[in-house]
Amino acid sequence: MIEVVKKRFEGMKTDKVLITVTRENIRHYCHVIEEDNQVFHDRSVAKKAGYSDLPVPPTYPTLFWQYIDIPWLTAQSSTILTEQRFIYEQPLIANMTYACSITLYKVRFRGNKCFLKQRLQIEQGEKVIATSDTTLILQKEGFRATCT
C-alpha cells in the first residue's frame, strides 16, 4: 500500500461527512482528558463566556477522523502521528452540524517511511471555520522508495 500512496492518493480529498458534537460528547471527552474548565461542562458558564452553547474543546476534532473513510490509510501496518496543528476561524459549538473532509496534500518518502501531510477541513454552510493539519508517518518493514 505504501508504494502506491503518492501516485494514487496525493491531492485526493475524502467525501464530506456530517458530524454533530453533542453536549454529552463534549462532557465525556473533557472527563477523559481531565479538562475541568466549566465552560465545557455548564451551559450557563458557556453563555456567560459568550458562547451560544458549550464550546467544543480545541483538540476534539481529532475524533472526527474516525467517521471519515480515508482510502490512503487502509491496511497500514504502523502509523505514527508526528505533528498536529489546529486553526479556528470561529469556535465549534455543541449541537451544530459540521461538514468534514480530509485532503492528502503532500507525500514524501525517506527510507522505509512514508510521510503524509493531511488537512482536516471543517465547514459550516459554505464557510471553512476550522482546519487541522496533521503529519503521519507510515512505516513498513522491507519498504524502500524515493520520492518521484
Protein backbone atom coordinates (compact mmCIF):
# COMPACT_ATOMS: atom_id res chain seq x y z
CA MET A 1 0.00 0.00 0.00
CA ILE A 2 2.76 2.49 0.88
CA GLU A 3 4.32 2.02 -2.55
CA VAL A 4 1.28 3.48 -4.28
CA VAL A 5 0.26 6.23 -1.83
CA LYS A 6 1.98 9.06 -3.70
CA LYS A 7 0.88 8.03 -7.18
CA ARG A 8 -2.72 7.19 -6.36
CA PHE A 9 -3.67 9.48 -3.50
CA GLU A 10 -1.61 12.69 -3.32
CA GLY A 11 -4.03 15.59 -3.79
CA MET A 12 -7.06 13.40 -3.07
CA LYS A 13 -9.90 14.66 -0.87
CA THR A 14 -12.31 12.41 1.01
CA ASP A 15 -16.05 12.72 0.75
CA LYS A 16 -17.62 15.16 3.20
CA VAL A 17 -19.10 13.64 6.33
CA LEU A 18 -21.64 15.44 8.51
CA ILE A 19 -20.69 15.44 12.18
CA THR A 20 -22.67 16.79 15.14
CA VAL A 21 -20.98 17.05 18.55
CA THR A 22 -23.44 16.78 21.44
CA ARG A 23 -23.07 18.29 24.90
CA GLU A 24 -22.68 14.78 26.26
CA ASN A 25 -19.86 14.10 23.74
CA ILE A 26 -18.08 17.24 24.97
CA ARG A 27 -18.53 16.37 28.65
CA HIS A 28 -17.31 12.80 28.11
CA TYR A 29 -14.25 13.99 26.16
CA CYS A 30 -13.44 16.53 28.88
CA HIS A 31 -13.73 13.81 31.52
CA VAL A 32 -11.29 11.59 29.57
CA ILE A 33 -8.72 14.36 29.09
CA GLU A 34 -9.32 15.65 32.64
CA GLU A 35 -10.46 19.09 31.46
CA ASP A 36 -12.38 20.68 34.32
CA ASN A 37 -12.94 24.17 32.88
CA GLN A 38 -16.67 24.70 33.47
CA VAL A 39 -17.12 26.46 30.12
CA PHE A 40 -17.05 22.94 28.60
CA HIS A 41 -19.44 21.45 31.17
CA ASP A 42 -22.03 24.06 32.15
CA ARG A 43 -24.19 25.90 29.58
CA SER A 44 -24.72 28.89 31.87
CA VAL A 45 -20.95 29.35 32.26
CA ALA A 46 -20.51 28.96 28.48
CA LYS A 47 -23.22 31.56 27.82
CA LYS A 48 -21.61 33.99 30.27
CA ALA A 49 -18.36 33.49 28.34
CA GLY A 50 -20.14 34.49 25.11
CA TYR A 51 -20.92 31.08 23.57
CA SER A 52 -24.39 30.08 22.38
CA ASP A 53 -23.88 26.58 23.84
CA LEU A 54 -20.96 24.51 25.13
CA PRO A 55 -17.84 25.11 23.04
CA VAL A 56 -16.05 22.09 21.61
CA PRO A 57 -12.55 21.70 23.14
CA PRO A 58 -9.82 22.71 20.68
CA THR A 59 -8.38 19.21 20.23
CA TYR A 60 -11.74 17.42 19.94
CA PRO A 61 -11.67 17.31 16.10
CA THR A 62 -9.03 14.58 16.35
CA LEU A 63 -12.06 12.32 16.90
CA PHE A 64 -13.63 13.38 13.59
CA TRP A 65 -11.13 11.18 11.75
CA GLN A 66 -12.91 8.02 12.96
CA TYR A 67 -16.04 8.97 10.99
CA ILE A 68 -14.27 9.67 7.68
CA ASP A 69 -13.34 6.95 5.19
CA ILE A 70 -9.69 7.70 4.36
CA PRO A 71 -8.64 5.49 1.42
CA TRP A 72 -4.91 6.10 1.74
CA LEU A 73 -4.87 4.84 5.34
CA THR A 74 -6.50 1.44 4.86
CA ALA A 75 -4.40 -1.62 5.74
CA GLN A 76 -1.41 0.28 7.12
CA SER A 77 0.91 -1.71 9.35
CA SER A 78 2.38 1.07 11.51
CA THR A 79 1.22 4.70 11.81
CA ILE A 80 2.79 7.41 13.97
CA LEU A 81 1.41 10.94 14.49
CA THR A 82 4.30 13.43 14.45
CA GLU A 83 2.60 16.82 14.15
CA GLN A 84 -0.84 18.28 14.58
CA ARG A 85 -1.99 21.89 14.40
CA PHE A 86 -5.47 23.41 14.76
CA ILE A 87 -6.60 26.71 13.24
CA TYR A 88 -10.00 28.15 14.13
CA GLU A 89 -11.85 30.96 12.36
CA GLN A 90 -14.60 30.52 14.95
CA PRO A 91 -15.17 28.06 17.80
CA LEU A 92 -17.06 24.83 17.24
CA ILE A 93 -20.23 24.67 19.33
CA ALA A 94 -22.30 21.78 20.71
CA ASN A 95 -25.33 20.59 18.73
CA MET A 96 -24.19 22.22 15.48
CA THR A 97 -23.59 20.07 12.39
CA TYR A 98 -20.29 20.39 10.53
CA ALA A 99 -19.24 19.04 7.13
CA CYS A 100 -15.78 17.50 7.41
CA SER A 101 -13.30 16.16 4.87
CA ILE A 102 -9.61 15.31 4.76
CA THR A 103 -7.17 16.13 1.96
CA LEU A 104 -3.83 14.38 1.46
CA TYR A 105 -1.80 17.32 0.21
CA LYS A 106 1.80 16.07 0.39
CA VAL A 107 3.52 12.68 0.35
CA ARG A 108 7.24 12.31 0.99
CA PHE A 109 9.38 9.18 1.30
CA ARG A 110 12.51 8.73 3.35
CA GLY A 111 13.99 5.23 3.64
CA ASN A 112 11.25 2.83 4.68
CA LYS A 113 9.00 5.64 5.91
CA CYS A 114 6.24 7.49 4.13
CA PHE A 115 5.33 10.97 5.48
CA LEU A 116 1.73 12.07 4.85
CA LYS A 117 0.67 15.69 5.31
CA GLN A 118 -3.10 15.95 5.58
CA ARG A 119 -5.67 18.63 6.29
CA LEU A 120 -8.98 18.12 8.06
CA GLN A 121 -11.35 20.82 6.87
CA ILE A 122 -14.40 21.69 8.97
CA GLU A 123 -17.17 23.66 7.29
CA GLN A 124 -20.43 25.17 8.40
CA GLY A 125 -22.60 26.02 5.45
CA GLU A 126 -20.23 27.17 2.72
CA LYS A 127 -17.66 28.60 5.13
CA VAL A 128 -14.49 26.87 6.35
CA ILE A 129 -14.45 27.54 10.08
CA ALA A 130 -11.56 25.32 11.19
CA THR A 131 -8.71 23.21 9.86
CA SER A 132 -6.31 20.74 11.38
CA ASP A 133 -3.03 19.90 9.70
CA THR A 134 -1.55 16.54 10.57
CA THR A 135 1.63 14.71 9.64
CA LEU A 136 1.60 10.93 9.87
CA ILE A 137 4.47 8.53 9.31
CA LEU A 138 3.73 5.13 7.80
CA GLN A 139 6.42 2.51 8.15
CA LYS A 140 6.60 -0.90 6.59
CA GLU A 141 9.32 -3.49 7.01
CA GLY A 142 11.34 -4.03 3.87
CA PHE A 143 9.91 -0.94 2.14
CA ARG A 144 12.39 1.39 0.46
CA ALA A 145 11.47 4.11 -2.02
CA THR A 146 12.45 7.56 -3.16
CA CYS A 147 10.14 10.43 -3.96
CA THR A 148 9.15 10.60 -7.58
